[in-house]
């Protein structure tokens, strides 16, 4: 919910964290292919007015950490 999104974003701001992405696929022959990648993400401090504006939208919903780097949080 919005309160939890605010909590998470307040914890992330001014800090660096890792975001992991992984995939595992099995083809019809039973062969398994897997890979993982990590991105290091560093957030600046987020001014209160900007944080409030961000949370008034819905971009934070259904996202781990309440943001998607491909969206406005990338700015």
N, C-alpha and C. Protein backbone atom coordinates (compact mmCIF):
# COMPACT_ATOMS: atom_id res chain seq x y z
N UNK A 1 0.82 -1.18 0.00
CA UNK A 1 0.00 0.00 0.00
C UNK A 1 0.87 1.25 0.00
N UNK A 2 0.23 2.39 -0.06
CA UNK A 2 0.97 3.67 -0.15
C UNK A 2 1.89 3.89 1.04
N UNK A 3 1.44 3.56 2.23
CA UNK A 3 2.28 3.75 3.42
C UNK A 3 3.54 2.90 3.37
N UNK A 4 3.40 1.66 2.89
CA UNK A 4 4.56 0.79 2.79
C UNK A 4 5.50 1.27 1.69
N UNK A 5 4.93 1.79 0.59
CA UNK A 5 5.76 2.35 -0.48
C UNK A 5 6.58 3.51 0.05
N UNK A 6 5.96 4.38 0.83
CA UNK A 6 6.67 5.51 1.44
C UNK A 6 7.79 5.00 2.34
N UNK A 7 7.50 4.01 3.16
CA UNK A 7 8.51 3.44 4.06
C UNK A 7 9.70 2.90 3.27
N UNK A 8 9.43 2.15 2.22
CA UNK A 8 10.52 1.56 1.43
C UNK A 8 11.35 2.64 0.75
N UNK A 9 10.70 3.62 0.15
CA UNK A 9 11.44 4.68 -0.54
C UNK A 9 12.26 5.52 0.43
N UNK A 10 11.75 5.74 1.61
CA UNK A 10 12.53 6.46 2.62
C UNK A 10 13.76 5.67 3.03
N UNK A 11 13.64 4.33 3.08
CA UNK A 11 14.80 3.49 3.41
C UNK A 11 15.83 3.47 2.28
N UNK A 12 15.37 3.55 1.04
CA UNK A 12 16.28 3.46 -0.11
C UNK A 12 17.00 4.77 -0.41
N UNK A 13 16.38 5.90 -0.10
CA UNK A 13 16.98 7.17 -0.51
C UNK A 13 18.32 7.42 0.18
N UNK A 14 19.23 7.95 -0.63
CA UNK A 14 20.57 8.24 -0.12
C UNK A 14 21.42 7.00 0.07
N UNK A 15 20.98 5.86 -0.46
CA UNK A 15 21.71 4.60 -0.28
C UNK A 15 21.88 3.88 -1.61
N UNK A 16 22.74 2.88 -1.58
CA UNK A 16 22.97 2.02 -2.73
C UNK A 16 22.43 0.63 -2.40
N UNK A 17 21.80 -0.02 -3.37
CA UNK A 17 21.30 -1.38 -3.17
C UNK A 17 21.43 -2.17 -4.46
N UNK A 18 21.19 -3.46 -4.39
CA UNK A 18 21.29 -4.33 -5.55
C UNK A 18 19.90 -4.77 -6.00
N UNK A 19 19.74 -4.87 -7.31
CA UNK A 19 18.53 -5.42 -7.90
C UNK A 19 18.95 -6.60 -8.77
N UNK A 20 18.42 -7.77 -8.44
CA UNK A 20 18.76 -8.99 -9.17
C UNK A 20 17.65 -9.36 -10.14
N UNK A 21 18.03 -9.84 -11.31
CA UNK A 21 17.11 -10.36 -12.30
C UNK A 21 17.63 -11.73 -12.71
N UNK A 22 16.73 -12.70 -12.79
CA UNK A 22 17.15 -14.06 -13.14
C UNK A 22 16.12 -14.69 -14.07
N UNK A 23 16.61 -15.67 -14.83
CA UNK A 23 15.73 -16.43 -15.72
C UNK A 23 16.21 -17.88 -15.73
N UNK A 24 15.25 -18.78 -15.79
CA UNK A 24 15.55 -20.21 -15.92
C UNK A 24 14.53 -20.80 -16.89
N UNK A 25 15.02 -21.44 -17.96
CA UNK A 25 14.15 -21.97 -19.00
C UNK A 25 14.54 -23.42 -19.28
N UNK A 26 13.51 -24.27 -19.43
CA UNK A 26 13.76 -25.65 -19.84
C UNK A 26 13.11 -25.86 -21.20
N UNK A 27 13.88 -26.36 -22.15
CA UNK A 27 13.32 -26.59 -23.48
C UNK A 27 12.67 -27.97 -23.55
N UNK A 28 12.01 -28.31 -24.66
CA UNK A 28 11.32 -29.59 -24.75
C UNK A 28 12.23 -30.82 -24.60
N UNK A 29 13.52 -30.67 -24.83
CA UNK A 29 14.47 -31.78 -24.65
C UNK A 29 14.91 -31.93 -23.19
N UNK A 30 14.45 -31.02 -22.34
CA UNK A 30 14.80 -31.10 -20.93
C UNK A 30 16.07 -30.34 -20.56
N UNK A 31 16.67 -29.68 -21.53
CA UNK A 31 17.87 -28.89 -21.23
C UNK A 31 17.46 -27.63 -20.48
N UNK A 32 18.26 -27.29 -19.49
CA UNK A 32 17.97 -26.12 -18.67
C UNK A 32 18.99 -25.03 -18.95
N UNK A 33 18.50 -23.83 -19.14
CA UNK A 33 19.34 -22.65 -19.34
C UNK A 33 18.98 -21.64 -18.28
N UNK A 34 19.98 -21.13 -17.62
CA UNK A 34 19.73 -20.16 -16.54
C UNK A 34 20.79 -19.08 -16.54
N UNK A 35 20.37 -17.92 -16.08
CA UNK A 35 21.30 -16.80 -15.99
C UNK A 35 20.76 -15.81 -14.97
N UNK A 36 21.64 -15.02 -14.43
CA UNK A 36 21.26 -13.96 -13.48
C UNK A 36 22.17 -12.76 -13.70
N UNK A 37 21.63 -11.61 -13.39
CA UNK A 37 22.39 -10.36 -13.51
C UNK A 37 22.03 -9.46 -12.34
N UNK A 38 23.00 -8.67 -11.94
CA UNK A 38 22.77 -7.74 -10.84
C UNK A 38 23.03 -6.32 -11.32
N UNK A 39 22.20 -5.41 -10.85
CA UNK A 39 22.41 -3.99 -11.10
C UNK A 39 22.58 -3.30 -9.75
N UNK A 40 23.50 -2.37 -9.68
CA UNK A 40 23.69 -1.58 -8.46
C UNK A 40 22.99 -0.25 -8.67
N UNK A 41 22.05 0.04 -7.78
CA UNK A 41 21.22 1.24 -7.92
C UNK A 41 21.48 2.14 -6.71
N UNK A 42 21.74 3.40 -6.99
CA UNK A 42 21.95 4.36 -5.92
C UNK A 42 20.91 5.47 -6.04
N UNK A 43 20.19 5.69 -4.96
CA UNK A 43 19.18 6.74 -4.92
C UNK A 43 19.78 7.99 -4.29
N UNK A 44 19.48 9.14 -4.86
CA UNK A 44 19.76 10.41 -4.20
C UNK A 44 18.72 10.60 -3.11
N UNK A 45 18.89 11.64 -2.33
CA UNK A 45 17.84 12.05 -1.40
C UNK A 45 16.65 12.51 -2.23
N UNK A 46 15.46 12.20 -1.79
CA UNK A 46 14.25 12.57 -2.51
C UNK A 46 13.56 13.69 -1.74
N UNK A 47 13.44 14.87 -2.34
CA UNK A 47 12.73 15.96 -1.65
C UNK A 47 11.31 15.53 -1.31
N UNK A 48 10.81 15.98 -0.15
CA UNK A 48 9.48 15.58 0.31
C UNK A 48 8.40 15.85 -0.73
N UNK A 49 8.44 17.01 -1.36
CA UNK A 49 7.41 17.36 -2.35
C UNK A 49 7.45 16.40 -3.54
N UNK A 50 8.64 16.01 -3.96
CA UNK A 50 8.78 15.08 -5.08
C UNK A 50 8.29 13.69 -4.70
N UNK A 51 8.60 13.26 -3.50
CA UNK A 51 8.15 11.97 -3.00
C UNK A 51 6.62 11.92 -2.90
N UNK A 52 6.03 12.99 -2.40
CA UNK A 52 4.57 13.07 -2.30
C UNK A 52 3.94 13.00 -3.68
N UNK A 53 4.48 13.73 -4.63
CA UNK A 53 3.96 13.72 -6.00
C UNK A 53 4.06 12.32 -6.61
N UNK A 54 5.17 11.66 -6.42
CA UNK A 54 5.37 10.30 -6.93
C UNK A 54 4.33 9.34 -6.35
N UNK A 55 4.09 9.44 -5.05
CA UNK A 55 3.15 8.54 -4.38
C UNK A 55 1.69 8.85 -4.72
N UNK A 56 1.41 10.04 -5.22
CA UNK A 56 0.05 10.37 -5.65
C UNK A 56 -0.32 9.61 -6.92
N UNK A 57 0.66 9.20 -7.69
CA UNK A 57 0.43 8.39 -8.88
C UNK A 57 0.35 6.92 -8.49
N UNK A 58 0.37 6.05 -9.47
CA UNK A 58 0.27 4.62 -9.18
C UNK A 58 1.49 3.83 -9.65
N UNK A 59 2.52 4.54 -10.10
CA UNK A 59 3.70 3.86 -10.63
C UNK A 59 4.36 2.94 -9.59
N UNK A 60 4.27 3.27 -8.33
CA UNK A 60 4.90 2.52 -7.26
C UNK A 60 4.19 1.19 -6.98
N UNK A 61 2.94 1.07 -7.38
CA UNK A 61 2.13 -0.11 -7.04
C UNK A 61 2.68 -1.37 -7.71
N UNK A 62 2.64 -2.47 -7.00
CA UNK A 62 3.03 -3.79 -7.52
C UNK A 62 4.49 -3.87 -7.96
N UNK A 63 5.34 -3.08 -7.32
CA UNK A 63 6.76 -3.11 -7.66
C UNK A 63 7.58 -3.37 -6.39
N UNK A 64 8.55 -4.26 -6.50
CA UNK A 64 9.46 -4.49 -5.39
C UNK A 64 10.22 -3.20 -5.13
N UNK A 65 10.22 -2.75 -3.90
CA UNK A 65 10.91 -1.51 -3.56
C UNK A 65 10.11 -0.28 -3.91
N UNK A 66 8.92 -0.44 -4.45
CA UNK A 66 8.00 0.66 -4.78
C UNK A 66 8.49 1.55 -5.91
N UNK A 67 9.37 1.01 -6.77
CA UNK A 67 9.82 1.79 -7.92
C UNK A 67 10.23 0.87 -9.05
N UNK A 68 10.21 1.39 -10.25
CA UNK A 68 10.78 0.74 -11.42
C UNK A 68 11.77 1.72 -12.03
N UNK A 69 12.99 1.30 -12.20
CA UNK A 69 14.03 2.21 -12.67
C UNK A 69 13.73 2.71 -14.08
N UNK A 70 12.92 1.96 -14.83
CA UNK A 70 12.56 2.38 -16.18
C UNK A 70 11.51 3.47 -16.17
N UNK A 71 10.91 3.77 -15.03
CA UNK A 71 9.88 4.79 -14.92
C UNK A 71 10.45 6.11 -14.41
N UNK A 72 9.61 6.90 -13.81
CA UNK A 72 10.04 8.23 -13.35
C UNK A 72 11.04 8.15 -12.21
N UNK A 73 11.09 7.03 -11.49
CA UNK A 73 12.09 6.88 -10.42
C UNK A 73 13.51 6.87 -10.99
N UNK A 74 13.65 6.56 -12.26
CA UNK A 74 14.96 6.58 -12.91
C UNK A 74 15.58 7.96 -12.97
N UNK A 75 14.75 8.96 -12.85
CA UNK A 75 15.26 10.34 -12.89
C UNK A 75 16.01 10.63 -11.61
